[in-house]
Amino acid sequence: MSPSIAYKTLKLLRNPQEFHLKKCHENIKLSSREIEVLEQLSRGLNYNIIALNLFLSPSTIRKHIENIYTKLKVHNKLEAIEKAKTNRII
């Protein structure tokens, strides 16, 4: 193990709270696939491109986005991206 990895491992063991990178302010539970879709939405990609990137159909992407809006309690893409960034989901 390299010294830098050993240092980070020891630091994590001593202070695990420091490494909660995806800590949310609210209790929001998105699936890993929903997070992938949201990340691609935040890059400005449209549903068809996201579908191609994730090997899914556009209708599946639309369903994931509906679920994201419901879970985040938002009504549009901009609100979803903003709330996800605020809550460190993406």
PDB file of N, CA and C in Angstrom:
ATOM      1  N   MET A   1       0.859  -1.178   0.000  1.00  0.00           N
ATOM      2  CA  MET A   1       0.000   0.000   0.000  1.00  0.00           C
ATOM      3  C   MET A   1       0.898   1.232   0.000  1.00  0.00           C
ATOM      4  N   SER A   2       0.577   2.177  -0.853  1.00  0.00           N
ATOM      5  CA  SER A   2       1.387   3.392  -0.927  1.00  0.00           C
ATOM      6  C   SER A   2       1.162   4.242   0.320  1.00  0.00           C
ATOM      7  N   PRO A   3       2.128   5.087   0.662  1.00  0.00           N
ATOM      8  CA  PRO A   3       1.974   5.943   1.840  1.00  0.00           C
ATOM      9  C   PRO A   3       0.742   6.852   1.772  1.00  0.00           C
ATOM     10  N   SER A   4       0.422   7.362   0.581  1.00  0.00           N
ATOM     11  CA  SER A   4      -0.740   8.257   0.484  1.00  0.00           C
ATOM     12  C   SER A   4      -2.044   7.499   0.718  1.00  0.00           C
ATOM     13  N   ILE A   5      -2.135   6.257   0.225  1.00  0.00           N
ATOM     14  CA  ILE A   5      -3.327   5.437   0.463  1.00  0.00           C
ATOM     15  C   ILE A   5      -3.420   5.078   1.941  1.00  0.00           C
ATOM     16  N   ALA A   6      -2.297   4.715   2.537  1.00  0.00           N
ATOM     17  CA  ALA A   6      -2.282   4.384   3.967  1.00  0.00           C
ATOM     18  C   ALA A   6      -2.731   5.585   4.795  1.00  0.00           C
ATOM     19  N   TYR A   7      -2.241   6.768   4.439  1.00  0.00           N
ATOM     20  CA  TYR A   7      -2.620   7.985   5.160  1.00  0.00           C
ATOM     21  C   TYR A   7      -4.127   8.227   5.066  1.00  0.00           C
ATOM     22  N   LYS A   8      -4.677   8.122   3.849  1.00  0.00           N
ATOM     23  CA  LYS A   8      -6.113   8.344   3.658  1.00  0.00           C
ATOM     24  C   LYS A   8      -6.938   7.300   4.398  1.00  0.00           C
ATOM     25  N   THR A   9      -6.470   6.062   4.404  1.00  0.00           N
ATOM     26  CA  THR A   9      -7.183   4.994   5.108  1.00  0.00           C
ATOM     27  C   THR A   9      -7.214   5.270   6.604  1.00  0.00           C
ATOM     28  N   LEU A  10      -6.074   5.627   7.169  1.00  0.00           N
ATOM     29  CA  LEU A  10      -6.021   5.952   8.602  1.00  0.00           C
ATOM     30  C   LEU A  10      -6.889   7.159   8.929  1.00  0.00           C
ATOM     31  N   LYS A  11      -6.850   8.153   8.069  1.00  0.00           N
ATOM     32  CA  LYS A  11      -7.659   9.352   8.283  1.00  0.00           C
ATOM     33  C   LYS A  11      -9.147   9.003   8.269  1.00  0.00           C
ATOM     34  N   LEU A  12      -9.545   8.142   7.345  1.00  0.00           N
ATOM     35  CA  LEU A  12     -10.935   7.706   7.262  1.00  0.00           C
ATOM     36  C   LEU A  12     -11.340   6.939   8.514  1.00  0.00           C
ATOM     37  N   LEU A  13     -10.476   6.063   8.997  1.00  0.00           N
ATOM     38  CA  LEU A  13     -10.784   5.280  10.193  1.00  0.00           C
ATOM     39  C   LEU A  13     -10.896   6.164  11.432  1.00  0.00           C
ATOM     40  N   ARG A  14     -10.084   7.204  11.495  1.00  0.00           N
ATOM     41  CA  ARG A  14     -10.117   8.107  12.654  1.00  0.00           C
ATOM     42  C   ARG A  14     -11.302   9.064  12.624  1.00  0.00           C
ATOM     43  N   ASN A  15     -11.701   9.494  11.423  1.00  0.00           N
ATOM     44  CA  ASN A  15     -12.759  10.497  11.312  1.00  0.00           C
ATOM     45  C   ASN A  15     -13.655  10.177  10.117  1.00  0.00           C
ATOM     46  N   PRO A  16     -14.529   9.164  10.236  1.00  0.00           N
ATOM     47  CA  PRO A  16     -15.337   8.744   9.082  1.00  0.00           C
ATOM     48  C   PRO A  16     -16.323   9.796   8.584  1.00  0.00           C
ATOM     49  N   GLN A  17     -16.788  10.708   9.445  1.00  0.00           N
ATOM     50  CA  GLN A  17     -17.744  11.735   9.016  1.00  0.00           C
ATOM     51  C   GLN A  17     -17.172  12.625   7.920  1.00  0.00           C
ATOM     52  N   GLU A  18     -15.881  12.770   7.905  1.00  0.00           N
ATOM     53  CA  GLU A  18     -15.224  13.654   6.942  1.00  0.00           C
ATOM     54  C   GLU A  18     -15.381  13.164   5.500  1.00  0.00           C
ATOM     55  N   PHE A  19     -15.668  11.896   5.307  1.00  0.00           N
ATOM     56  CA  PHE A  19     -15.695  11.321   3.975  1.00  0.00           C
ATOM     57  C   PHE A  19     -17.093  11.033   3.446  1.00  0.00           C
ATOM     58  N   HIS A  20     -18.119  11.613   4.032  1.00  0.00           N
ATOM     59  CA  HIS A  20     -19.478  11.430   3.515  1.00  0.00           C
ATOM     60  C   HIS A  20     -19.695  12.415   2.378  1.00  0.00           C
ATOM     61  N   LEU A  21     -19.292  12.032   1.178  1.00  0.00           N
ATOM     62  CA  LEU A  21     -19.331  12.930   0.034  1.00  0.00           C
ATOM     63  C   LEU A  21     -20.738  13.183  -0.478  1.00  0.00           C
ATOM     64  N   LYS A  22     -21.634  12.206  -0.355  1.00  0.00           N
ATOM     65  CA  LYS A  22     -22.978  12.354  -0.890  1.00  0.00           C
ATOM     66  C   LYS A  22     -23.989  12.592   0.226  1.00  0.00           C
ATOM     67  N   LYS A  23     -23.567  13.260   1.281  1.00  0.00           N
ATOM     68  CA  LYS A  23     -24.453  13.532   2.403  1.00  0.00           C
ATOM     69  C   LYS A  23     -25.583  14.451   1.945  1.00  0.00           C
ATOM     70  N   CYS A  24     -26.809  14.077   2.253  1.00  0.00           N
ATOM     71  CA  CYS A  24     -27.975  14.851   1.845  1.00  0.00           C
ATOM     72  C   CYS A  24     -28.523  15.631   3.023  1.00  0.00           C
ATOM     73  N   HIS A  25     -29.045  16.820   2.747  1.00  0.00           N
ATOM     74  CA  HIS A  25     -29.696  17.610   3.783  1.00  0.00           C
ATOM     75  C   HIS A  25     -31.090  17.078   4.064  1.00  0.00           C
ATOM     76  N   GLU A  26     -31.683  16.464   3.094  1.00  0.00           N
ATOM     77  CA  GLU A  26     -33.009  15.878   3.243  1.00  0.00           C
ATOM     78  C   GLU A  26     -32.884  14.377   3.031  1.00  0.00           C
ATOM     79  N   ASN A  27     -33.884  13.654   3.451  1.00  0.00           N
ATOM     80  CA  ASN A  27     -33.853  12.200   3.281  1.00  0.00           C
ATOM     81  C   ASN A  27     -34.377  11.834   1.893  1.00  0.00           C
ATOM     82  N   ILE A  28     -33.533  12.016   0.878  1.00  0.00           N
ATOM     83  CA  ILE A  28     -33.896  11.745  -0.510  1.00  0.00           C
ATOM     84  C   ILE A  28     -33.196  10.462  -0.936  1.00  0.00           C
ATOM     85  N   LYS A  29     -33.964   9.511  -1.415  1.00  0.00           N
ATOM     86  CA  LYS A  29     -33.380   8.238  -1.840  1.00  0.00           C
ATOM     87  C   LYS A  29     -33.636   8.024  -3.328  1.00  0.00           C
ATOM     88  N   LEU A  30     -32.593   8.243  -4.120  1.00  0.00           N
ATOM     89  CA  LEU A  30     -32.665   7.989  -5.556  1.00  0.00           C
ATOM     90  C   LEU A  30     -31.876   6.727  -5.859  1.00  0.00           C
ATOM     91  N   SER A  31     -32.355   5.966  -6.819  1.00  0.00           N
ATOM     92  CA  SER A  31     -31.612   4.775  -7.238  1.00  0.00           C
ATOM     93  C   SER A  31     -30.348   5.215  -7.975  1.00  0.00           C
ATOM     94  N   SER A  32     -29.414   4.300  -8.108  1.00  0.00           N
ATOM     95  CA  SER A  32     -28.180   4.638  -8.824  1.00  0.00           C
ATOM     96  C   SER A  32     -28.481   4.994 -10.280  1.00  0.00           C
ATOM     97  N   ARG A  33     -29.462   4.348 -10.872  1.00  0.00           N
ATOM     98  CA  ARG A  33     -29.839   4.648 -12.258  1.00  0.00           C
ATOM     99  C   ARG A  33     -30.455   6.047 -12.344  1.00  0.00           C
ATOM    100  N   GLU A  34     -31.297   6.406 -11.378  1.00  0.00           N
ATOM    101  CA  GLU A  34     -31.894   7.748 -11.368  1.00  0.00           C
ATOM    102  C   GLU A  34     -30.812   8.809 -11.228  1.00  0.00           C
ATOM    103  N   ILE A  35     -29.800   8.532 -10.424  1.00  0.00           N
ATOM    104  CA  ILE A  35     -28.689   9.476 -10.270  1.00  0.00           C
ATOM    105  C   ILE A  35     -27.926   9.607 -11.586  1.00  0.00           C
ATOM    106  N   GLU A  36     -27.713   8.496 -12.280  1.00  0.00           N
ATOM    107  CA  GLU A  36     -27.048   8.546 -13.592  1.00  0.00           C
ATOM    108  C   GLU A  36     -27.840   9.416 -14.568  1.00  0.00           C
ATOM    109  N   VAL A  37     -29.149   9.222 -14.593  1.00  0.00           N
ATOM    110  CA  VAL A  37     -30.009  10.008 -15.485  1.00  0.00           C
ATOM    111  C   VAL A  37     -29.916  11.484 -15.112  1.00  0.00           C
ATOM    112  N   LEU A  38     -29.989  11.780 -13.834  1.00  0.00           N
ATOM    113  CA  LEU A  38     -29.933  13.163 -13.356  1.00  0.00           C
ATOM    114  C   LEU A  38     -28.597  13.820 -13.691  1.00  0.00           C
ATOM    115  N   GLU A  39     -27.513  13.082 -13.547  1.00  0.00           N
ATOM    116  CA  GLU A  39     -26.195  13.624 -13.902  1.00  0.00           C
ATOM    117  C   GLU A  39     -26.137  13.980 -15.386  1.00  0.00           C
ATOM    118  N   GLN A  40     -26.700  13.125 -16.218  1.00  0.00           N
ATOM    119  CA  GLN A  40     -26.684  13.397 -17.656  1.00  0.00           C
ATOM    120  C   GLN A  40     -27.611  14.557 -18.006  1.00  0.00           C
ATOM    121  N   LEU A  41     -28.741  14.645 -17.309  1.00  0.00           N
ATOM    122  CA  LEU A  41     -29.640  15.795 -17.504  1.00  0.00           C
ATOM    123  C   LEU A  41     -28.914  17.092 -17.163  1.00  0.00           C
ATOM    124  N   SER A  42     -28.135  17.056 -16.080  1.00  0.00           N
ATOM    125  CA  SER A  42     -27.432  18.267 -15.640  1.00  0.00           C
ATOM    126  C   SER A  42     -26.376  18.711 -16.645  1.00  0.00           C
ATOM    127  N   ARG A  43     -25.949  17.803 -17.519  1.00  0.00           N
ATOM    128  CA  ARG A  43     -24.989  18.146 -18.579  1.00  0.00           C
ATOM    129  C   ARG A  43     -25.681  18.675 -19.822  1.00  0.00           C
ATOM    130  N   GLY A  44     -27.007  18.773 -19.754  1.00  0.00           N
ATOM    131  CA  GLY A  44     -27.755  19.334 -20.869  1.00  0.00           C
ATOM    132  C   GLY A  44     -28.134  18.335 -21.947  1.00  0.00           C
ATOM    133  N   LEU A  45     -27.989  17.057 -21.665  1.00  0.00           N
ATOM    134  CA  LEU A  45     -28.323  16.042 -22.664  1.00  0.00           C
ATOM    135  C   LEU A  45     -29.830  15.826 -22.733  1.00  0.00           C
ATOM    136  N   ASN A  46     -30.329  15.529 -23.933  1.00  0.00           N
ATOM    137  CA  ASN A  46     -31.766  15.276 -24.067  1.00  0.00           C
ATOM    138  C   ASN A  46     -32.067  13.800 -23.805  1.00  0.00           C
ATOM    139  N   TYR A  47     -33.357  13.480 -23.699  1.00  0.00           N
ATOM    140  CA  TYR A  47     -33.792  12.127 -23.336  1.00  0.00           C
ATOM    141  C   TYR A  47     -33.244  11.069 -24.289  1.00  0.00           C
ATOM    142  N   ASN A  48     -33.249  11.357 -25.579  1.00  0.00           N
ATOM    143  CA  ASN A  48     -32.785  10.367 -26.558  1.00  0.00           C
ATOM    144  C   ASN A  48     -31.295  10.065 -26.402  1.00  0.00           C
ATOM    145  N   ILE A  49     -30.506  11.092 -26.161  1.00  0.00           N
ATOM    146  CA  ILE A  49     -29.062  10.900 -25.979  1.00  0.00           C
ATOM    147  C   ILE A  49     -28.799  10.142 -24.679  1.00  0.00           C
ATOM    148  N   ILE A  50     -29.513  10.511 -23.621  1.00  0.00           N
ATOM    149  CA  ILE A  50     -29.358   9.799 -22.344  1.00  0.00           C
ATOM    150  C   ILE A  50     -29.714   8.324 -22.536  1.00  0.00           C
ATOM    151  N   ALA A  51     -30.796   8.068 -23.255  1.00  0.00           N
ATOM    152  CA  ALA A  51     -31.216   6.687 -23.518  1.00  0.00           C
ATOM    153  C   ALA A  51     -30.112   5.915 -24.246  1.00  0.00           C
ATOM    154  N   LEU A  52     -29.516   6.526 -25.253  1.00  0.00           N
ATOM    155  CA  LEU A  52     -28.418   5.871 -25.978  1.00  0.00           C
ATOM    156  C   LEU A  52     -27.226   5.607 -25.060  1.00  0.00           C
ATOM    157  N   ASN A  53     -26.867   6.606 -24.259  1.00  0.00           N
ATOM    158  CA  ASN A  53     -25.718   6.474 -23.359  1.00  0.00           C
ATOM    159  C   ASN A  53     -25.907   5.367 -22.329  1.00  0.00           C
ATOM    160  N   LEU A  54     -27.143   5.199 -21.856  1.00  0.00           N
ATOM    161  CA  LEU A  54     -27.412   4.225 -20.792  1.00  0.00           C
ATOM    162  C   LEU A  54     -28.005   2.918 -21.318  1.00  0.00           C
ATOM    163  N   PHE A  55     -28.092   2.797 -22.633  1.00  0.00           N
ATOM    164  CA  PHE A  55     -28.638   1.589 -23.271  1.00  0.00           C
ATOM    165  C   PHE A  55     -30.067   1.298 -22.803  1.00  0.00           C
ATOM    166  N   LEU A  56     -30.876   2.355 -22.760  1.00  0.00           N
ATOM    167  CA  LEU A  56     -32.281   2.251 -22.365  1.00  0.00           C
ATOM    168  C   LEU A  56     -33.146   2.888 -23.444  1.00  0.00           C
ATOM    169  N   SER A  57     -34.442   2.692 -23.342  1.00  0.00           N
ATOM    170  CA  SER A  57     -35.350   3.344 -24.291  1.00  0.00           C
ATOM    171  C   SER A  57     -35.679   4.749 -23.786  1.00  0.00           C
ATOM    172  N   PRO A  58     -36.028   5.666 -24.685  1.00  0.00           N
ATOM    173  CA  PRO A  58     -36.425   7.011 -24.261  1.00  0.00           C
ATOM    174  C   PRO A  58     -37.609   6.991 -23.285  1.00  0.00           C
ATOM    175  N   SER A  59     -38.533   6.042 -23.456  1.00  0.00           N
ATOM    176  CA  SER A  59     -39.675   5.983 -22.530  1.00  0.00           C
ATOM    177  C   SER A  59     -39.228   5.573 -21.123  1.00  0.00           C
ATOM    178  N   THR A  60     -38.215   4.738 -21.026  1.00  0.00           N
ATOM    179  CA  THR A  60     -37.670   4.371 -19.711  1.00  0.00           C
ATOM    180  C   THR A  60     -37.014   5.588 -19.067  1.00  0.00           C
ATOM    181  N   ILE A  61     -36.317   6.375 -19.860  1.00  0.00           N
ATOM    182  CA  ILE A  61     -35.696   7.600 -19.344  1.00  0.00           C
ATOM    183  C   ILE A  61     -36.776   8.547 -18.835  1.00  0.00           C
ATOM    184  N   ARG A  62     -37.859   8.706 -19.603  1.00  0.00           N
ATOM    185  CA  ARG A  62     -38.964   9.573 -19.156  1.00  0.00           C
ATOM    186  C   ARG A  62     -39.534   9.090 -17.824  1.00  0.00           C
ATOM    187  N   LYS A  63     -39.662   7.774 -17.668  1.00  0.00           N
ATOM    188  CA  LYS A  63     -40.189   7.216 -16.417  1.00  0.00           C
ATOM    189  C   LYS A  63     -39.229   7.485 -15.262  1.00  0.00           C
ATOM    190  N   HIS A  64     -37.937   7.327 -15.502  1.00  0.00           N
ATOM    191  CA  HIS A  64     -36.946   7.639 -14.461  1.00  0.00           C
ATOM    192  C   HIS A  64     -37.057   9.112 -14.059  1.00  0.00           C
ATOM    193  N   ILE A  65     -37.227   9.979 -15.039  1.00  0.00           N
ATOM    194  CA  ILE A  65     -37.316  11.412 -14.750  1.00  0.00           C
ATOM    195  C   ILE A  65     -38.589  11.725 -13.968  1.00  0.00           C
ATOM    196  N   GLU A  66     -39.692  11.090 -14.308  1.00  0.00           N
ATOM    197  CA  GLU A  66     -40.924  11.255 -13.516  1.00  0.00           C
ATOM    198  C   GLU A  66     -40.674  10.850 -12.066  1.00  0.00           C
ATOM    199  N   ASN A  67     -40.002   9.718 -11.872  1.00  0.00           N
ATOM    200  CA  ASN A  67     -39.702   9.249 -10.516  1.00  0.00           C
ATOM    201  C   ASN A  67     -38.785  10.219  -9.775  1.00  0.00           C
ATOM    202  N   ILE A  68     -37.812  10.765 -10.486  1.00  0.00           N
ATOM    203  CA  ILE A  68     -36.895  11.743  -9.893  1.00  0.00           C
ATOM    204  C   ILE A  68     -37.679  12.966  -9.426  1.00  0.00           C
ATOM    205  N   TYR A  69     -38.551  13.497 -10.285  1.00  0.00           N
ATOM    206  CA  TYR A  69     -39.349  14.669  -9.928  1.00  0.00           C
ATOM    207  C   TYR A  69     -40.194  14.389  -8.692  1.00  0.00           C
ATOM    208  N   THR A  70     -40.792  13.216  -8.636  1.00  0.00           N
ATOM    209  CA  THR A  70     -41.630  12.857  -7.490  1.00  0.00           C
ATOM    210  C   THR A  70     -40.796  12.775  -6.215  1.00  0.00           C
ATOM    211  N   LYS A  71     -39.679  12.083  -6.279  1.00  0.00           N
ATOM    212  CA  LYS A  71     -38.836  11.904  -5.092  1.00  0.00           C
ATOM    213  C   LYS A  71     -38.228  13.217  -4.616  1.00  0.00           C
ATOM    214  N   LEU A  72     -37.871  14.087  -5.556  1.00  0.00           N
ATOM    215  CA  LEU A  72     -37.278  15.378  -5.187  1.00  0.00           C
ATOM    216  C   LEU A  72     -38.340  16.437  -4.890  1.00  0.00           C
ATOM    217  N   LYS A  73     -39.594  16.116  -5.187  1.00  0.00           N
ATOM    218  CA  LYS A  73     -40.716  17.049  -5.001  1.00  0.00           C
ATOM    219  C   LYS A  73     -40.494  18.331  -5.800  1.00  0.00           C
ATOM    220  N   VAL A  74     -40.215  18.140  -7.096  1.00  0.00           N
ATOM    221  CA  VAL A  74     -40.001  19.263  -8.010  1.00  0.00           C
ATOM    222  C   VAL A  74     -40.895  19.073  -9.227  1.00  0.00           C
ATOM    223  N   HIS A  75     -40.925  20.111 -10.087  1.00  0.00           N
ATOM    224  CA  HIS A  75     -41.820  20.075 -11.241  1.00  0.00           C
ATOM    225  C   HIS A  75     -41.120  20.172 -12.588  1.00  0.00           C
ATOM    226  N   ASN A  76     -39.815  20.448 -12.575  1.00  0.00           N
ATOM    227  CA  ASN A  76     -39.119  20.548 -13.856  1.00  0.00           C
ATOM    228  C   ASN A  76     -37.635  20.209 -13.711  1.00  0.00           C
ATOM    229  N   LYS A  77     -36.977  20.147 -14.853  1.00  0.00           N
ATOM    230  CA  LYS A  77     -35.574  19.746 -14.924  1.00  0.00           C
ATOM    231  C   LYS A  77     -34.668  20.675 -14.118  1.00  0.00           C
ATOM    232  N   LEU A  78     -34.875  21.984 -14.268  1.00  0.00           N
ATOM    233  CA  LEU A  78     -34.032  22.944 -13.564  1.00  0.00           C
ATOM    234  C   LEU A  78     -34.134  22.792 -12.053  1.00  0.00           C
ATOM    235  N   GLU A  79     -35.362  22.658 -11.550  1.00  0.00           N
ATOM    236  CA  GLU A  79     -35.566  22.466 -10.111  1.00  0.00           C
ATOM    237  C   GLU A  79     -34.915  21.169  -9.645  1.00  0.00           C
ATOM    238  N   ALA A  80     -35.029  20.119 -10.439  1.00  0.00           N
ATOM    239  CA  ALA A  80     -34.452  18.823 -10.073  1.00  0.00           C
ATOM    240  C   ALA A  80     -32.929  18.918  -9.968  1.00  0.00           C
ATOM    241  N   ILE A  81     -32.312  19.550 -10.947  1.00  0.00           N
ATOM    242  CA  ILE A  81     -30.854  19.685 -10.953  1.00  0.00           C
ATOM    243  C   ILE A  81     -30.398  20.542  -9.780  1.00  0.00           C
ATOM    244  N   GLU A  82     -31.089  21.651  -9.552  1.00  0.00           N
ATOM    245  CA  GLU A  82     -30.728  22.539  -8.448  1.00  0.00           C
ATOM    246  C   GLU A  82     -30.846  21.821  -7.104  1.00  0.00           C
ATOM    247  N   LYS A  83     -31.945  21.112  -6.902  1.00  0.00           N
ATOM    248  CA  LYS A  83     -32.152  20.413  -5.632  1.00  0.00           C
ATOM    249  C   LYS A  83     -31.134  19.285  -5.461  1.00  0.00           C
ATOM    250  N   ALA A  84     -30.818  18.587  -6.532  1.00  0.00           N
ATOM    251  CA  ALA A  84     -29.826  17.509  -6.468  1.00  0.00           C
ATOM    252  C   ALA A  84     -28.444  18.059  -6.123  1.00  0.00           C
ATOM    253  N   LYS A  85     -28.095  19.199  -6.674  1.00  0.00           N
ATOM    254  CA  LYS A  85     -26.798  19.810  -6.356  1.00  0.00           C
ATOM    255  C   LYS A  85     -26.778  20.331  -4.925  1.00  0.00           C
ATOM    256  N   THR A  86     -27.874  20.961  -4.501  1.00  0.00           N
ATOM    257  CA  THR A  86     -27.966  21.469  -3.134  1.00  0.00           C
ATOM    258  C   THR A  86     -27.811  20.341  -2.121  1.00  0.00           C
ATOM    259  N   ASN A  87     -28.383  19.192  -2.438  1.00  0.00           N
ATOM    260  CA  ASN A  87     -28.341  18.046  -1.536  1.00  0.00           C
ATOM    261  C   ASN A  87     -27.178  17.098  -1.815  1.00  0.00           C
ATOM    262  N   ARG A  88     -26.255  17.540  -2.656  1.00  0.00           N
ATOM    263  CA  ARG A  88     -25.035  16.795  -2.982  1.00  0.00           C
ATOM    264  C   ARG A  88     -25.318  15.396  -3.520  1.00  0.00           C
ATOM    265  N   ILE A  89     -26.375  15.283  -4.283  1.00  0.00           N
ATOM    266  CA  ILE A  89     -26.691  14.013  -4.940  1.00  0.00           C
ATOM    267  C   ILE A  89     -25.868  13.897  -6.216  1.00  0.00           C
ATOM    268  N   ILE A  90     -25.698  15.046  -6.877  1.00  0.00           N
ATOM    269  CA  ILE A  90     -24.841  15.091  -8.074  1.00  0.00           C
ATOM    270  C   ILE A  90     -23.817  16.194  -7.896  1.00  0.00           C
TER     271      ILE A  90
END
